[in-house]
N, C-alpha and C. Protein backbone atom coordinates (compact mmCIF):
# COMPACT_ATOMS: atom_id res chain seq x y z
N MET A 1 -44.55 128.53 -33.30
CA MET A 1 -42.89 128.38 -33.35
C MET A 1 -41.82 128.25 -34.28
N ASP A 2 -41.12 128.91 -34.07
CA ASP A 2 -39.49 128.97 -34.72
C ASP A 2 -39.54 127.82 -35.19
N ALA A 3 -38.56 127.29 -36.37
CA ALA A 3 -38.13 126.16 -36.47
C ALA A 3 -37.08 125.48 -35.71
N ASN A 4 -36.14 126.59 -35.99
CA ASN A 4 -34.82 126.26 -35.00
C ASN A 4 -35.40 126.06 -33.28
N LEU A 5 -36.08 126.46 -32.89
CA LEU A 5 -36.65 126.54 -31.57
C LEU A 5 -36.86 125.16 -31.75
N LYS A 6 -37.83 124.42 -32.13
CA LYS A 6 -38.55 123.36 -32.18
C LYS A 6 -37.71 122.24 -32.18
N GLN A 7 -36.62 122.55 -32.91
CA GLN A 7 -35.57 120.92 -33.18
C GLN A 7 -34.79 121.53 -32.25
N GLU A 8 -34.66 122.76 -31.41
CA GLU A 8 -33.65 122.51 -30.05
C GLU A 8 -34.72 121.64 -28.99
N LEU A 9 -35.86 122.31 -29.14
CA LEU A 9 -36.37 121.53 -27.64
C LEU A 9 -36.66 120.23 -28.22
N LEU A 10 -36.68 119.74 -29.47
CA LEU A 10 -37.26 118.38 -29.64
C LEU A 10 -36.12 117.45 -29.04
N ALA A 11 -34.40 118.32 -29.61
CA ALA A 11 -33.61 117.39 -28.83
C ALA A 11 -33.45 117.38 -27.35
N LYS A 12 -33.80 118.31 -26.67
CA LYS A 12 -33.42 118.18 -24.93
C LYS A 12 -34.52 117.21 -24.62
N ILE A 13 -35.71 117.12 -25.37
CA ILE A 13 -36.88 116.28 -24.88
C ILE A 13 -36.16 114.84 -25.07
N ASP A 14 -35.62 114.56 -26.41
CA ASP A 14 -35.31 113.56 -26.74
C ASP A 14 -34.15 112.78 -25.76
N GLN A 15 -32.99 113.52 -25.09
CA GLN A 15 -32.27 113.49 -23.95
C GLN A 15 -32.63 113.27 -23.18
N ALA A 16 -33.91 114.15 -22.31
CA ALA A 16 -34.47 113.90 -21.10
C ALA A 16 -34.97 112.32 -21.05
N ILE A 17 -35.94 112.03 -22.32
CA ILE A 17 -36.83 110.76 -22.34
C ILE A 17 -35.23 109.55 -22.38
N ASN A 18 -34.58 110.02 -23.09
CA ASN A 18 -33.64 108.83 -23.22
C ASN A 18 -32.44 108.39 -21.94
N ASN A 19 -32.67 109.43 -20.80
CA ASN A 19 -32.10 109.04 -20.04
C ASN A 19 -33.33 108.47 -18.40
N ILE A 20 -34.39 108.46 -19.00
CA ILE A 20 -35.51 107.52 -18.16
C ILE A 20 -35.86 106.50 -19.16
N ARG A 21 -35.57 106.34 -20.25
CA ARG A 21 -35.73 105.31 -21.26
C ARG A 21 -35.31 103.60 -20.28
N PRO A 22 -34.20 103.53 -20.06
CA PRO A 22 -33.79 102.23 -19.83
C PRO A 22 -35.30 101.60 -18.49
N TYR A 23 -35.87 102.50 -17.37
CA TYR A 23 -36.96 102.25 -16.89
C TYR A 23 -37.87 102.01 -17.38
N LEU A 24 -38.37 102.53 -18.14
CA LEU A 24 -39.49 101.99 -19.17
C LEU A 24 -39.09 100.84 -19.90
N LYS A 25 -38.39 100.66 -20.59
CA LYS A 25 -38.20 99.20 -20.85
C LYS A 25 -37.65 97.95 -20.17
N ALA A 26 -37.37 98.17 -18.92
CA ALA A 26 -37.52 97.29 -17.99
C ALA A 26 -39.21 96.78 -17.38
N ASP A 27 -39.55 97.24 -18.01
CA ASP A 27 -41.33 97.17 -17.92
C ASP A 27 -41.73 96.59 -19.15
N GLY A 28 -40.84 96.76 -20.41
CA GLY A 28 -41.38 96.13 -21.33
C GLY A 28 -42.12 97.50 -22.28
N GLY A 29 -41.78 98.62 -21.98
CA GLY A 29 -42.80 100.11 -22.55
C GLY A 29 -41.55 100.67 -22.57
N ASP A 30 -41.74 101.79 -23.75
CA ASP A 30 -41.10 102.58 -24.22
C ASP A 30 -42.22 104.10 -24.62
N VAL A 31 -41.21 104.83 -25.12
CA VAL A 31 -42.42 106.04 -25.35
C VAL A 31 -41.43 106.85 -26.62
N LYS A 32 -42.22 107.38 -27.73
CA LYS A 32 -41.82 107.58 -28.88
C LYS A 32 -42.17 108.94 -28.97
N VAL A 33 -41.41 110.16 -28.87
CA VAL A 33 -41.82 111.67 -29.10
C VAL A 33 -42.10 111.99 -30.43
N LEU A 34 -43.39 112.51 -30.70
CA LEU A 34 -44.19 112.39 -32.10
C LEU A 34 -43.89 113.65 -32.58
N ASP A 35 -43.96 114.81 -31.95
CA ASP A 35 -43.87 116.47 -32.42
C ASP A 35 -43.91 117.42 -30.50
N ILE A 36 -44.19 118.23 -31.25
CA ILE A 36 -44.28 119.18 -29.52
C ILE A 36 -45.04 120.44 -30.82
N ASP A 37 -46.43 121.10 -30.06
CA ASP A 37 -47.13 121.93 -30.38
C ASP A 37 -46.83 123.16 -30.50
N ASP A 38 -47.48 124.25 -31.05
CA ASP A 38 -47.16 125.70 -30.90
C ASP A 38 -47.36 126.41 -29.47
N ASP A 39 -48.12 125.40 -28.39
CA ASP A 39 -48.54 125.87 -27.00
C ASP A 39 -47.51 125.07 -26.28
N TYR A 40 -46.71 124.24 -26.70
CA TYR A 40 -45.42 124.04 -25.95
C TYR A 40 -46.04 122.32 -25.23
N VAL A 41 -46.73 121.86 -26.07
CA VAL A 41 -47.21 120.67 -25.33
C VAL A 41 -46.66 119.61 -26.24
N VAL A 42 -46.14 118.20 -25.94
CA VAL A 42 -45.32 117.47 -26.41
C VAL A 42 -46.26 116.34 -26.32
N LEU A 43 -46.03 115.65 -27.74
CA LEU A 43 -46.86 114.78 -28.86
C LEU A 43 -46.26 113.43 -28.25
N VAL A 44 -46.88 112.46 -27.32
CA VAL A 44 -45.86 111.40 -27.81
C VAL A 44 -46.87 110.04 -27.91
N GLU A 45 -46.10 108.66 -27.98
CA GLU A 45 -46.91 107.54 -28.48
C GLU A 45 -46.38 107.19 -27.48
N LEU A 46 -46.88 106.25 -26.43
CA LEU A 46 -46.73 105.10 -25.41
C LEU A 46 -46.58 103.46 -26.20
N LEU A 47 -45.35 102.96 -26.27
CA LEU A 47 -45.35 102.03 -27.01
C LEU A 47 -45.12 100.71 -25.86
N GLY A 48 -45.07 99.19 -26.43
CA GLY A 48 -45.20 98.11 -25.95
C GLY A 48 -46.19 97.97 -24.71
N ALA A 49 -45.71 97.81 -23.55
CA ALA A 49 -46.56 97.33 -22.58
C ALA A 49 -46.60 98.92 -22.02
N CYS A 50 -46.54 99.74 -22.22
CA CYS A 50 -46.67 101.09 -21.63
C CYS A 50 -47.78 101.67 -22.06
N GLU A 51 -48.30 100.83 -23.14
CA GLU A 51 -49.85 101.23 -23.77
C GLU A 51 -50.97 100.67 -23.45
N SER A 52 -50.78 99.94 -22.69
CA SER A 52 -52.22 99.06 -21.68
C SER A 52 -51.91 99.21 -20.51
N CYS A 53 -51.04 99.82 -19.90
CA CYS A 53 -50.36 99.44 -18.44
C CYS A 53 -51.48 100.50 -17.81
N PRO A 54 -51.94 100.03 -16.75
CA PRO A 54 -52.67 101.20 -15.85
C PRO A 54 -52.10 102.32 -15.08
N MET A 55 -50.93 101.92 -15.18
CA MET A 55 -50.16 103.18 -14.30
C MET A 55 -49.55 103.92 -15.43
N SER A 56 -49.95 103.88 -16.83
CA SER A 56 -49.32 105.16 -17.83
C SER A 56 -49.90 106.30 -17.36
N PRO A 57 -50.95 106.53 -16.95
CA PRO A 57 -51.07 108.05 -16.66
C PRO A 57 -50.45 108.51 -15.68
N MET A 58 -50.17 107.66 -14.65
CA MET A 58 -48.99 108.19 -13.37
C MET A 58 -47.33 108.54 -14.14
N THR A 59 -47.05 107.29 -14.63
CA THR A 59 -45.69 107.50 -15.71
C THR A 59 -45.50 108.52 -16.14
N MET A 60 -46.54 109.15 -17.25
CA MET A 60 -46.59 110.02 -17.38
C MET A 60 -46.57 111.31 -17.07
N LYS A 61 -47.09 111.33 -16.19
CA LYS A 61 -47.00 112.43 -15.21
C LYS A 61 -45.55 112.87 -14.06
N ALA A 62 -45.67 111.88 -13.41
CA ALA A 62 -44.49 111.87 -12.75
C ALA A 62 -42.78 111.40 -13.32
N GLY A 63 -42.98 110.84 -14.30
CA GLY A 63 -41.91 110.30 -14.80
C GLY A 63 -41.61 111.01 -15.54
N ILE A 64 -42.26 110.64 -17.25
CA ILE A 64 -41.81 111.77 -18.30
C ILE A 64 -41.91 112.87 -18.02
N GLU A 65 -42.75 113.55 -17.86
CA GLU A 65 -43.65 114.99 -18.00
C GLU A 65 -42.43 115.87 -17.22
N GLU A 66 -42.32 115.12 -15.67
CA GLU A 66 -41.28 116.01 -15.32
C GLU A 66 -39.78 115.86 -15.72
N ALA A 67 -39.41 114.40 -16.11
CA ALA A 67 -37.88 114.35 -16.51
C ALA A 67 -37.66 115.43 -17.94
N VAL A 68 -38.63 115.82 -18.56
CA VAL A 68 -38.71 116.82 -19.88
C VAL A 68 -39.23 117.89 -19.28
N LYS A 69 -39.84 118.27 -17.91
CA LYS A 69 -39.51 120.02 -17.64
C LYS A 69 -38.05 120.49 -17.07
N ARG A 70 -37.54 119.39 -16.46
CA ARG A 70 -36.12 119.81 -16.00
C ARG A 70 -35.14 120.36 -16.84
N VAL A 71 -35.49 119.78 -18.12
CA VAL A 71 -34.65 120.19 -19.24
C VAL A 71 -35.08 121.25 -20.23
N ALA A 72 -36.12 121.36 -20.37
CA ALA A 72 -36.97 122.22 -21.24
C ALA A 72 -38.44 122.70 -20.60
N PRO A 73 -38.26 123.89 -19.33
CA PRO A 73 -39.44 124.24 -18.64
C PRO A 73 -40.07 125.14 -19.62
N GLU A 74 -40.00 125.32 -20.55
CA GLU A 74 -41.11 126.01 -21.27
C GLU A 74 -42.11 124.94 -21.80
N VAL A 75 -41.75 123.72 -21.38
CA VAL A 75 -42.70 122.63 -21.99
C VAL A 75 -44.30 122.52 -21.14
N LYS A 76 -45.49 122.98 -21.46
CA LYS A 76 -46.46 122.91 -20.49
C LYS A 76 -46.94 121.84 -19.89
N SER A 77 -46.86 120.61 -21.07
CA SER A 77 -47.29 119.18 -20.46
C SER A 77 -47.14 118.43 -21.64
N ILE A 78 -47.39 117.27 -21.35
CA ILE A 78 -47.21 115.82 -22.00
C ILE A 78 -48.51 115.25 -22.61
N LYS A 79 -48.48 114.83 -23.54
CA LYS A 79 -49.93 114.17 -24.17
C LYS A 79 -49.62 112.82 -24.81
N ALA A 80 -50.00 111.77 -24.49
CA ALA A 80 -49.87 110.24 -24.83
C ALA A 80 -51.15 110.31 -26.26
N VAL A 81 -50.71 110.46 -27.16
CA VAL A 81 -51.93 110.21 -28.62
C VAL A 81 -52.76 109.13 -28.45
N ASN A 82 -52.13 108.02 -27.36
CA ASN A 82 -53.16 106.56 -27.34
C ASN A 82 -53.36 105.89 -26.23
N ILE A 83 -53.63 106.81 -24.94
CA ILE A 83 -53.98 106.74 -24.12
C ILE A 83 -55.01 108.03 -23.62
N ALA A 84 -55.89 107.82 -22.76
CA ALA A 84 -57.31 109.15 -22.64
C ALA A 84 -56.46 109.44 -21.48
N PRO A 85 -56.61 110.85 -21.86
CA PRO A 85 -56.06 111.49 -20.25
C PRO A 85 -56.50 111.69 -19.43
N VAL A 86 -55.83 112.23 -17.69
CA VAL A 86 -55.79 111.99 -16.82
C VAL A 86 -56.61 113.00 -16.46
N SER A 87 -57.77 112.83 -15.70
CA SER A 87 -58.86 114.08 -15.43
C SER A 87 -58.05 114.72 -14.01
């Protein structure tokens, strides 16, 4: 992926997450964007209460992933590096 495209996408992703961050923080959690790979998978780290919350997989799909895909439709998925994937 081109470096300029990557920076542009990361900026869009950060903005989308900033829009939902107050809701995550209200429950004692947060999310940190780590990278986006060449397959357009965004790698994040769940922080605080989000790390151990049993609802984290649902938050990832219904909250974070949907918010990101609204501003960056080329993103294929969101993957948290510190939780087990949803099957």
